Amino acid sequence: MKYRFIIMLLLAVQLMACKKFIDEKPNAKLSVPNSTAALQALLDDFQRINTNFPGVAESGSDEYYYNYNDWLGRSELIRNAYTWEKENLIQSGNNNDWVNAYRKIYIANVVLSEIRKIERSAVHSKEWDMAQGGAYFLRGISYAQLAWTFCMAYDQATAQQDAGLVLRTDPDFNVSSTRSSLAATYELMIDDLKKSYPLLPDKPLHVMRPSKAAAYGWLTRAYLSMRSYDSAYVYADKYLQIYHELIDYNTIPVTARPIIPSFNIEVAYHSTPTQVIFPQFSWVDSVLYASYAADDLRKHLLFTPPTSGHAVRFRGSYDGNTDPGAAFNGIATDEMYLSRAECLARKNQGAAALNDLQTLLKKRWDNRVPFPAFTMTDPNMILATILLERRKELYMRGLRWMDLKRLNKEGLDIVLKRKLQTQEYSLLPNSLRYALPIPDDVIRITGITQNER
């Protein structure tokens, strides 16, 4: 906690040097940061950089449910996202998923524009590289999460024709906005992340900052979303050569608060999405909860115990700041073990895939009971087991919506269903509703094409 406080204090001091710049931009008459320290300070503004990534789409995932009264207590936007409505799902104003992500992209573009005007000297080479690498990283992950929210699932056969995002690579507001193809969106996303990691340290000074490992983690996610499993394997493997330690859940007392501490040994990059699924008002999917074995410590640590008349709630966020826990969508080692295992299974390397899965699950298993070794050899069963464990381990990590989109492209045909009193709702695989509407004021100002619903 002392280390965390010192780091936060240092970041806050750096932030003060450039707060006026961020608050008052885009007035062209204002001066711009003219040193690597000032540019780094922009990237160290954790309240703008590490929080409020796109999160509304997760309201439509199948990880949880609302009872009718709790659903009524949510905002109109969240109620409609929960039931995948065609209408009245348009965000607006200055605090929504589109605006928050493009604000990060703007900051990244400012840094990339200004860093080119500063000589990279031998004395300040590390600081120069950190600022440029951090900006590429921030822009890449922002486009990734925008794509998973506002675009359809990536399909190589149609990506050149499918609608992508507005790609901004310059801080100039006078450049007109047009939607790119989905192929171009992913190309920029991947390119930014690949440009970032040669400039970044293996591990960061603090996990609020990016690193090689964090970039490898985001490249793993990006390639998974494209169903490019060979490439996803490469970057998951690179990540695990840097970070491989796992929390042993046997060391966590059930009375711990928070259950999982923030900035723990598994976290390579800490970030949070817009919190739209509050654990205290939502219930855990009962079928998913029942899939945890009795000796699986996750069942007892990460969820409130079921009591008479009450369903189960989640309390195991890796954000760690509150109980039951705010959302976390950063990069962590458990995810990379699961991602590498999935890629290995899809490469027909079942034994290696199960070895990764077993490495993870042994740290989640009650060590007073022998861990049941995997003996399955059927490739389809191995993959299905890994995908189920991915759901169980990465609950509420901001990944399920992206996973649903890519897995339906794989032919899993996952149909989502809701029931509120007597009204039933469903979302069919590959539905156009998997791409959320772009905010109406953005459409009005720019004239770009709205997503069909």
Protein backbone atom coordinates (compact mmCIF):
# COMPACT_ATOMS: atom_id res chain seq x y z
CA MET A 1 0.00 0.00 0.00
CA LYS A 2 2.90 2.36 0.78
CA TYR A 3 4.45 1.65 -2.63
CA ARG A 4 1.11 2.20 -4.33
CA PHE A 5 0.62 5.53 -2.53
CA ILE A 6 4.06 6.79 -3.55
CA ILE A 7 3.49 5.86 -7.18
CA MET A 8 0.08 7.55 -7.22
CA LEU A 9 1.59 10.66 -5.66
CA LEU A 10 4.32 10.82 -8.28
CA LEU A 11 1.81 10.37 -11.08
CA ALA A 12 -0.41 13.08 -9.60
CA VAL A 13 2.50 15.53 -9.42
CA GLN A 14 3.34 14.86 -13.06
CA LEU A 15 -0.28 15.30 -14.01
CA MET A 16 -0.46 18.78 -12.47
CA ALA A 17 2.12 20.03 -14.96
CA CYS A 18 -0.15 19.34 -17.91
CA LYS A 19 -3.67 19.45 -16.46
CA LYS A 20 -4.37 22.90 -17.93
CA PHE A 21 -3.33 21.69 -21.36
CA ILE A 22 -5.74 18.75 -21.33
CA ASP A 23 -8.63 20.65 -19.76
CA GLU A 24 -8.48 23.54 -22.22
CA LYS A 25 -7.50 21.87 -25.48
CA PRO A 26 -8.28 22.13 -28.41
CA ASN A 27 -7.72 25.91 -28.30
CA ALA A 28 -4.89 26.22 -30.86
CA LYS A 29 -3.45 29.28 -29.11
CA LEU A 30 -2.47 27.29 -26.07
CA SER A 31 1.11 26.11 -25.71
CA VAL A 32 1.78 22.40 -26.06
CA PRO A 33 4.05 20.17 -23.99
CA ASN A 34 7.63 20.55 -25.21
CA SER A 35 9.50 17.97 -23.15
CA THR A 36 9.39 14.21 -22.73
CA ALA A 37 8.47 14.71 -19.07
CA ALA A 38 5.43 16.80 -19.97
CA LEU A 39 4.33 14.28 -22.61
CA GLN A 40 4.78 11.43 -20.17
CA ALA A 41 2.67 13.34 -17.69
CA LEU A 42 -0.21 13.30 -20.18
CA LEU A 43 0.07 9.52 -20.35
CA ASP A 44 0.32 9.20 -16.56
CA ASP A 45 -3.09 10.80 -15.98
CA PHE A 46 -4.54 7.52 -14.70
CA GLN A 47 -8.05 8.95 -14.30
CA ARG A 48 -8.23 9.65 -18.04
CA ILE A 49 -5.88 6.98 -19.35
CA ASN A 50 -6.53 3.87 -17.24
CA THR A 51 -10.26 4.19 -16.57
CA ASN A 52 -13.52 4.43 -18.50
CA PHE A 53 -12.68 2.18 -21.40
CA PRO A 54 -15.78 1.05 -23.36
CA GLY A 55 -17.97 -1.09 -21.11
CA VAL A 56 -21.62 -0.68 -22.11
CA ALA A 57 -21.55 -3.63 -24.50
CA GLU A 58 -20.84 -5.98 -21.59
CA SER A 59 -24.33 -5.16 -20.32
CA GLY A 60 -25.54 -7.44 -23.10
CA SER A 61 -23.33 -10.40 -22.16
CA ASP A 62 -24.50 -13.67 -20.67
CA GLU A 63 -22.39 -13.58 -17.50
CA TYR A 64 -25.12 -12.22 -15.23
CA TYR A 65 -28.78 -11.33 -14.97
CA TYR A 66 -31.03 -8.79 -13.28
CA ASN A 67 -34.24 -9.45 -11.47
CA TYR A 68 -37.00 -7.15 -12.60
CA ASN A 69 -36.71 -4.59 -9.79
CA ASP A 70 -32.93 -4.28 -10.12
CA TRP A 71 -33.32 -3.88 -13.87
CA LEU A 72 -35.84 -1.07 -13.34
CA GLY A 73 -33.29 0.71 -11.17
CA ARG A 74 -30.71 0.93 -13.97
CA SER A 75 -30.47 3.81 -16.43
CA GLU A 76 -32.46 3.69 -19.67
CA LEU A 77 -29.25 3.04 -21.60
CA ILE A 78 -28.30 0.04 -19.47
CA ARG A 79 -31.85 -1.35 -19.45
CA ASN A 80 -31.94 -1.23 -23.23
CA ALA A 81 -28.43 -2.65 -23.62
CA TYR A 82 -29.43 -5.51 -21.32
CA THR A 83 -32.31 -6.48 -23.62
CA TRP A 84 -30.49 -5.64 -26.90
CA GLU A 85 -33.11 -3.10 -27.99
CA LYS A 86 -33.02 -1.77 -31.52
CA GLU A 87 -34.05 1.72 -30.42
CA ASN A 88 -33.10 4.07 -27.57
CA LEU A 89 -29.60 2.65 -27.19
CA ILE A 90 -27.73 5.70 -28.40
CA GLN A 91 -25.23 7.27 -26.05
CA SER A 92 -24.80 11.02 -26.11
CA GLY A 93 -23.03 13.86 -24.35
CA ASN A 94 -19.41 14.09 -23.22
CA ASN A 95 -19.24 10.95 -21.08
CA ASN A 96 -19.83 7.82 -23.11
CA ASP A 97 -17.84 4.93 -24.54
CA TRP A 98 -17.17 6.60 -27.90
CA VAL A 99 -16.11 9.97 -26.49
CA ASN A 100 -14.02 8.54 -23.66
CA ALA A 101 -12.06 6.27 -26.00
CA TYR A 102 -11.48 8.99 -28.61
CA ARG A 103 -10.31 11.31 -25.85
CA LYS A 104 -7.57 8.78 -25.11
CA ILE A 105 -6.78 8.57 -28.83
CA TYR A 106 -6.52 12.36 -28.98
CA ILE A 107 -4.04 12.40 -26.09
CA ALA A 108 -2.01 9.66 -27.80
CA ASN A 109 -1.99 11.64 -31.04
CA VAL A 110 -0.81 14.78 -29.24
CA VAL A 111 2.08 12.85 -27.72
CA LEU A 112 3.01 11.22 -31.03
CA SER A 113 2.86 14.56 -32.83
CA GLU A 114 4.95 16.44 -30.27
CA ILE A 115 7.52 13.74 -29.52
CA ARG A 116 8.74 13.98 -33.11
CA LYS A 117 9.70 17.59 -32.46
CA ILE A 118 11.94 16.63 -29.54
CA GLU A 119 15.41 15.31 -30.24
CA ARG A 120 16.00 11.78 -28.98
CA SER A 121 19.28 12.23 -27.13
CA ALA A 122 21.40 9.55 -25.49
CA VAL A 123 20.69 11.09 -22.08
CA HIS A 124 16.89 10.99 -22.46
CA SER A 125 16.48 8.04 -24.84
CA LYS A 126 14.59 5.86 -22.34
CA GLU A 127 12.15 8.64 -21.48
CA TRP A 128 11.67 9.47 -25.17
CA ASP A 129 11.01 5.82 -26.01
CA MET A 130 8.64 5.40 -23.07
CA ALA A 131 6.51 8.36 -24.15
CA GLN A 132 6.30 7.32 -27.80
CA GLY A 133 5.76 3.65 -26.95
CA GLY A 134 3.10 4.54 -24.40
CA ALA A 135 1.24 6.67 -26.93
CA TYR A 136 1.23 3.91 -29.55
CA PHE A 137 0.06 1.46 -26.89
CA LEU A 138 -2.76 3.74 -25.71
CA ARG A 139 -4.00 4.38 -29.24
CA GLY A 140 -3.88 0.70 -30.12
CA ILE A 141 -5.84 -0.54 -27.11
CA SER A 142 -8.39 2.28 -27.47
CA TYR A 143 -9.13 1.31 -31.06
CA ALA A 144 -9.34 -2.33 -30.03
CA GLN A 145 -12.04 -1.71 -27.43
CA LEU A 146 -13.93 0.66 -29.72
CA ALA A 147 -13.93 -2.02 -32.43
CA TRP A 148 -15.25 -4.69 -30.07
CA THR A 149 -18.05 -2.33 -29.05
CA PHE A 150 -19.10 -0.51 -32.22
CA CYS A 151 -18.12 -2.96 -35.00
CA MET A 152 -19.20 -6.43 -35.97
CA ALA A 153 -16.94 -9.42 -35.38
CA TYR A 154 -13.85 -9.54 -37.57
CA ASP A 155 -14.19 -11.87 -40.55
CA GLN A 156 -11.28 -12.01 -42.96
CA ALA A 157 -13.64 -12.76 -45.84
CA THR A 158 -15.64 -9.54 -45.38
CA ALA A 159 -13.34 -7.21 -43.38
CA GLN A 160 -12.53 -5.04 -46.41
CA GLN A 161 -16.24 -4.26 -46.83
CA ASP A 162 -17.38 -4.25 -43.19
CA ALA A 163 -17.67 -0.86 -41.46
CA GLY A 164 -14.82 0.01 -39.12
CA LEU A 165 -14.01 3.05 -37.02
CA VAL A 166 -13.05 6.64 -37.66
CA LEU A 167 -9.26 6.41 -37.67
CA ARG A 168 -7.58 9.49 -36.23
CA THR A 169 -3.79 9.56 -36.33
CA ASP A 170 -3.37 13.32 -36.03
CA PRO A 171 -4.57 15.71 -33.28
CA ASP A 172 -5.86 18.20 -35.88
CA PHE A 173 -9.62 18.58 -35.37
CA ASN A 174 -10.05 20.03 -38.84
CA VAL A 175 -9.47 16.64 -40.48
CA SER A 176 -12.86 15.33 -41.60
CA SER A 177 -14.24 12.14 -40.07
CA THR A 178 -14.98 9.11 -42.22
CA ARG A 179 -15.46 5.49 -41.26
CA SER A 180 -12.71 3.15 -42.41
CA SER A 181 -13.12 -0.52 -43.25
CA LEU A 182 -12.89 -3.03 -40.43
CA ALA A 183 -9.72 -4.36 -42.08
CA ALA A 184 -8.09 -0.91 -41.88
CA THR A 185 -9.19 -0.55 -38.26
CA TYR A 186 -7.51 -3.79 -37.25
CA GLU A 187 -4.44 -2.99 -39.32
CA LEU A 188 -3.90 0.27 -37.42
CA MET A 189 -4.65 -1.37 -34.07
CA ILE A 190 -2.14 -4.16 -34.65
CA ASP A 191 0.45 -1.79 -36.12
CA ASP A 192 0.25 0.56 -33.13
CA LEU A 193 0.72 -2.27 -30.65
CA LYS A 194 3.62 -3.70 -32.62
CA LYS A 195 5.27 -0.27 -32.73
CA SER A 196 4.82 0.12 -29.00
CA TYR A 197 6.55 -2.88 -27.50
CA PRO A 198 10.10 -2.37 -28.86
CA LEU A 199 10.04 1.01 -27.09
CA LEU A 200 8.74 -0.23 -23.75
CA PRO A 201 10.43 -2.02 -20.82
CA ASP A 202 9.69 -5.70 -20.19
CA LYS A 203 7.95 -4.72 -16.96
CA PRO A 204 6.80 -1.21 -16.02
CA LEU A 205 7.68 1.01 -13.12
CA HIS A 206 4.04 0.54 -12.14
CA VAL A 207 1.26 -1.44 -13.80
CA MET A 208 -0.63 1.77 -14.51
CA ARG A 209 2.00 2.20 -17.24
CA PRO A 210 2.36 -0.02 -20.32
CA SER A 211 5.18 -2.48 -20.95
CA LYS A 212 6.29 -5.10 -23.45
CA ALA A 213 4.28 -7.69 -21.54
CA ALA A 214 1.15 -5.53 -21.61
CA ALA A 215 1.50 -4.95 -25.36
CA TYR A 216 1.96 -8.70 -25.90
CA GLY A 217 -1.22 -9.27 -23.87
CA TRP A 218 -3.24 -6.82 -25.95
CA LEU A 219 -1.88 -8.29 -29.19
CA THR A 220 -3.02 -11.69 -27.94
CA ARG A 221 -6.53 -10.31 -27.42
CA ALA A 222 -6.53 -8.58 -30.79
CA TYR A 223 -5.49 -11.70 -32.67
CA LEU A 224 -7.97 -13.82 -30.73
CA SER A 225 -10.74 -11.44 -31.78
CA MET A 226 -9.59 -11.93 -35.40
CA ARG A 227 -9.48 -15.73 -34.86
CA SER A 228 -5.81 -15.62 -35.90
CA TYR A 229 -4.80 -18.27 -33.41
CA ASP A 230 -1.22 -18.80 -34.60
CA SER A 231 -0.42 -15.13 -34.02
CA ALA A 232 -2.34 -15.06 -30.73
CA TYR A 233 -0.23 -18.00 -29.55
CA VAL A 234 3.01 -16.17 -30.40
CA TYR A 235 2.16 -13.16 -28.24
CA ALA A 236 0.66 -15.13 -25.35
CA ASP A 237 3.87 -17.13 -25.28
CA LYS A 238 5.99 -13.96 -25.37
CA TYR A 239 3.96 -12.60 -22.46
CA LEU A 240 4.42 -15.75 -20.37
CA GLN A 241 8.17 -15.56 -20.81
CA ILE A 242 8.02 -12.29 -18.83
CA TYR A 243 5.11 -12.88 -16.44
CA HIS A 244 4.25 -16.40 -15.34
CA GLU A 245 3.51 -16.21 -11.60
CA LEU A 246 -0.01 -16.95 -10.44
CA ILE A 247 -1.80 -16.19 -7.19
CA ASP A 248 -2.25 -19.31 -5.09
CA TYR A 249 -5.85 -19.00 -3.96
CA ASN A 250 -5.03 -21.24 -0.99
CA THR A 251 -3.25 -18.23 0.53
CA ILE A 252 -6.35 -16.02 0.41
CA PRO A 253 -8.61 -16.14 3.49
CA VAL A 254 -12.30 -16.12 2.69
CA THR A 255 -12.64 -13.11 5.01
CA ALA A 256 -10.16 -10.99 3.01
CA ARG A 257 -11.46 -7.63 1.81
CA PRO A 258 -10.91 -7.12 -1.00
CA ILE A 259 -10.68 -10.78 -1.95
CA ILE A 260 -8.15 -10.07 -4.72
CA PRO A 261 -5.78 -7.14 -4.11
CA SER A 262 -5.22 -4.56 -6.80
CA PHE A 263 -1.86 -4.50 -8.60
CA ASN A 264 -1.31 -8.14 -7.63
CA ILE A 265 1.44 -10.39 -9.07
CA GLU A 266 -0.72 -11.46 -12.02
CA VAL A 267 -1.46 -7.94 -13.29
CA ALA A 268 0.76 -6.60 -16.08
CA TYR A 269 -1.47 -3.64 -16.94
CA HIS A 270 -4.20 -2.14 -14.82
CA SER A 271 -7.24 -0.61 -16.51
CA THR A 272 -10.96 -0.44 -15.88
CA PRO A 273 -13.98 -0.04 -18.14
CA THR A 274 -17.01 2.13 -17.65
CA GLN A 275 -18.73 0.30 -14.81
CA VAL A 276 -22.19 -0.60 -15.98
CA ILE A 277 -22.67 -3.99 -14.31
CA PHE A 278 -22.61 -3.28 -10.60
CA PRO A 279 -22.07 -6.56 -8.71
CA GLN A 280 -24.29 -5.47 -5.83
CA PHE A 281 -27.26 -5.18 -8.21
CA SER A 282 -26.66 -8.14 -10.53
CA TRP A 283 -26.79 -11.88 -10.12
CA VAL A 284 -24.34 -14.52 -11.34
CA ASP A 285 -25.57 -16.87 -14.05
CA SER A 286 -26.72 -19.93 -12.08
CA VAL A 287 -25.58 -22.49 -14.65
CA LEU A 288 -22.11 -20.96 -14.75
CA TYR A 289 -21.88 -20.90 -10.95
CA ALA A 290 -22.91 -24.55 -10.76
CA SER A 291 -20.05 -25.48 -13.10
CA TYR A 292 -17.45 -24.73 -10.39
CA ALA A 293 -16.44 -27.89 -8.52
CA ALA A 294 -16.88 -28.00 -4.75
CA ASP A 295 -13.09 -27.94 -4.25
CA ASP A 296 -12.56 -25.06 -6.67
CA LEU A 297 -11.62 -22.16 -4.42
CA ARG A 298 -12.96 -19.64 -6.94
CA LYS A 299 -16.48 -20.78 -6.05
CA HIS A 300 -16.00 -19.74 -2.42
CA LEU A 301 -13.72 -16.74 -2.80
CA LEU A 302 -14.97 -14.89 -5.86
CA PHE A 303 -18.70 -15.16 -5.16
CA THR A 304 -20.94 -14.55 -2.18
CA PRO A 305 -22.22 -17.81 -0.70
CA PRO A 306 -25.75 -18.72 -1.79
CA THR A 307 -28.31 -18.30 0.96
CA SER A 308 -31.98 -19.08 1.16
CA GLY A 309 -33.94 -16.83 -1.15
CA HIS A 310 -30.85 -15.10 -2.54
CA ALA A 311 -28.83 -15.76 -5.67
CA VAL A 312 -25.06 -15.46 -5.92
CA ARG A 313 -23.20 -12.19 -6.45
CA PHE A 314 -19.64 -11.57 -7.71
CA ARG A 315 -17.00 -10.07 -5.39
CA GLY A 316 -13.68 -11.09 -6.95
CA SER A 317 -12.66 -8.23 -9.22
CA TYR A 318 -8.95 -7.77 -9.92
CA ASP A 319 -9.52 -4.03 -9.53
CA GLY A 320 -9.39 -4.69 -5.82
CA ASN A 321 -10.33 -1.20 -4.64
CA THR A 322 -13.82 -1.91 -3.39
CA ASP A 323 -15.91 -4.81 -2.20
CA PRO A 324 -17.73 -6.39 -4.05
CA GLY A 325 -15.33 -4.86 -6.55
CA ALA A 326 -15.31 -2.52 -9.50
CA ALA A 327 -14.74 -3.81 -13.00
CA PHE A 328 -11.27 -4.75 -14.28
CA ASN A 329 -10.31 -5.21 -17.93
CA GLY A 330 -6.54 -5.00 -17.74
CA ILE A 331 -3.98 -7.61 -18.72
CA ALA A 332 -3.25 -10.42 -16.27
CA THR A 333 -1.33 -13.68 -16.35
CA ASP A 334 -4.27 -16.03 -15.80
CA GLU A 335 -5.82 -14.77 -19.05
CA MET A 336 -2.61 -15.44 -20.96
CA TYR A 337 -2.41 -19.04 -19.76
CA LEU A 338 -5.96 -19.57 -20.97
CA SER A 339 -5.32 -17.81 -24.28
CA ARG A 340 -2.19 -19.85 -24.97
CA ALA A 341 -4.04 -23.03 -23.99
CA GLU A 342 -6.87 -22.24 -26.41
CA CYS A 343 -4.43 -21.55 -29.24
CA LEU A 344 -2.55 -24.78 -28.54
CA ALA A 345 -5.82 -26.73 -28.56
CA ARG A 346 -6.76 -25.21 -31.91
CA LYS A 347 -3.29 -26.22 -33.20
CA ASN A 348 -4.08 -29.83 -32.16
CA GLN A 349 -1.50 -29.74 -29.38
CA GLY A 350 -3.89 -31.02 -26.74
CA ALA A 351 -1.34 -32.22 -24.19
CA ALA A 352 0.44 -28.85 -24.12
CA ALA A 353 -2.91 -27.04 -23.93
CA LEU A 354 -4.01 -29.10 -20.93
CA ASN A 355 -0.64 -28.53 -19.27
CA ASP A 356 -1.25 -24.75 -19.39
CA LEU A 357 -4.77 -25.22 -18.08
CA GLN A 358 -3.58 -27.46 -15.26
CA THR A 359 -0.84 -24.97 -14.30
CA LEU A 360 -3.55 -22.34 -13.78
CA LEU A 361 -6.18 -24.48 -12.10
CA LYS A 362 -3.83 -26.02 -9.54
CA LYS A 363 -3.46 -22.50 -8.12
CA ARG A 364 -7.25 -22.30 -7.81
CA TRP A 365 -7.78 -25.74 -6.28
CA ASP A 366 -8.04 -26.57 -2.57
CA ASN A 367 -4.62 -28.09 -1.88
CA ARG A 368 -6.04 -30.36 0.78
CA VAL A 369 -7.70 -32.31 -2.02
CA PRO A 370 -5.78 -33.99 -4.88
CA PHE A 371 -6.21 -32.10 -8.13
CA PRO A 372 -8.08 -34.27 -10.67
CA ALA A 373 -5.63 -34.67 -13.57
CA PHE A 374 -6.98 -34.26 -17.10
CA THR A 375 -7.08 -37.48 -19.09
CA MET A 376 -9.15 -36.39 -22.08
CA THR A 377 -7.69 -36.78 -25.55
CA ASP A 378 -10.57 -35.75 -27.80
CA PRO A 379 -9.60 -32.36 -29.39
CA ASN A 380 -13.15 -31.02 -29.30
CA MET A 381 -13.54 -31.88 -25.62
CA ILE A 382 -10.20 -30.28 -24.79
CA LEU A 383 -11.17 -27.04 -26.54
CA ALA A 384 -14.64 -27.02 -24.94
CA THR A 385 -13.07 -27.49 -21.48
CA ILE A 386 -10.65 -24.60 -22.04
CA LEU A 387 -13.41 -22.30 -23.26
CA LEU A 388 -15.52 -23.13 -20.20
CA GLU A 389 -12.59 -22.42 -17.90
CA ARG A 390 -12.04 -19.15 -19.74
CA ARG A 391 -15.57 -18.12 -18.77
CA LYS A 392 -15.08 -19.21 -15.18
CA GLU A 393 -11.68 -17.62 -14.64
CA LEU A 394 -12.25 -14.38 -16.57
CA TYR A 395 -15.68 -13.57 -15.18
CA MET A 396 -16.43 -9.84 -15.42
CA ARG A 397 -13.11 -9.00 -17.13
CA GLY A 398 -14.74 -7.12 -20.01
CA LEU A 399 -13.95 -9.94 -22.45
CA ARG A 400 -17.17 -11.88 -22.80
CA TRP A 401 -18.79 -9.65 -25.47
CA MET A 402 -15.73 -9.94 -27.70
CA ASP A 403 -15.58 -13.68 -27.05
CA LEU A 404 -19.25 -14.15 -27.95
CA LYS A 405 -18.71 -12.39 -31.26
CA ARG A 406 -15.65 -14.41 -32.27
CA LEU A 407 -16.99 -17.75 -31.01
CA ASN A 408 -20.21 -17.33 -32.95
CA LYS A 409 -18.06 -16.76 -36.03
CA GLU A 410 -16.50 -20.12 -35.17
CA GLY A 411 -19.95 -21.69 -35.40
CA LEU A 412 -20.79 -22.12 -31.71
CA ASP A 413 -24.22 -20.52 -32.32
CA ILE A 414 -24.62 -19.08 -28.83
CA VAL A 415 -28.13 -17.68 -28.39
CA LEU A 416 -28.51 -15.21 -25.53
CA LYS A 417 -31.83 -15.04 -23.66
CA ARG A 418 -33.35 -12.76 -21.04
CA LYS A 419 -36.58 -12.90 -19.10
CA LEU A 420 -38.10 -9.99 -17.21
CA GLN A 421 -41.38 -10.98 -15.59
CA THR A 422 -43.32 -12.46 -18.51
CA GLN A 423 -41.37 -10.71 -21.28
CA GLU A 424 -38.68 -12.73 -23.05
CA TYR A 425 -35.81 -11.39 -25.18
CA SER A 426 -33.17 -13.08 -27.30
CA LEU A 427 -30.03 -12.19 -29.25
CA LEU A 428 -29.21 -14.48 -32.15
CA PRO A 429 -25.63 -15.38 -33.21
CA ASN A 430 -23.96 -12.81 -35.49
CA SER A 431 -26.88 -10.39 -35.06
CA LEU A 432 -26.33 -6.81 -36.19
CA ARG A 433 -27.08 -5.87 -32.58
CA TYR A 434 -23.59 -7.03 -31.62
CA ALA A 435 -22.40 -3.64 -32.91
CA LEU A 436 -23.75 -0.89 -30.65
CA PRO A 437 -25.04 2.35 -32.18
CA ILE A 438 -22.60 5.23 -32.48
CA PRO A 439 -23.66 8.24 -30.37
CA ASP A 440 -26.29 10.27 -32.19
CA ASP A 441 -24.49 13.59 -31.79
CA VAL A 442 -21.37 12.09 -33.42
CA ILE A 443 -23.49 11.01 -36.38
CA ARG A 444 -25.08 14.45 -36.60
CA ILE A 445 -21.80 16.38 -36.45
CA THR A 446 -19.68 14.14 -38.69
CA GLY A 447 -22.23 12.64 -41.06
CA ILE A 448 -20.65 9.17 -40.73
CA THR A 449 -22.79 6.09 -41.28
CA GLN A 450 -24.71 4.73 -38.29
CA ASN A 451 -24.64 1.03 -37.46
CA GLU A 452 -27.68 -0.90 -38.58
CA ARG A 453 -29.65 -2.63 -35.86
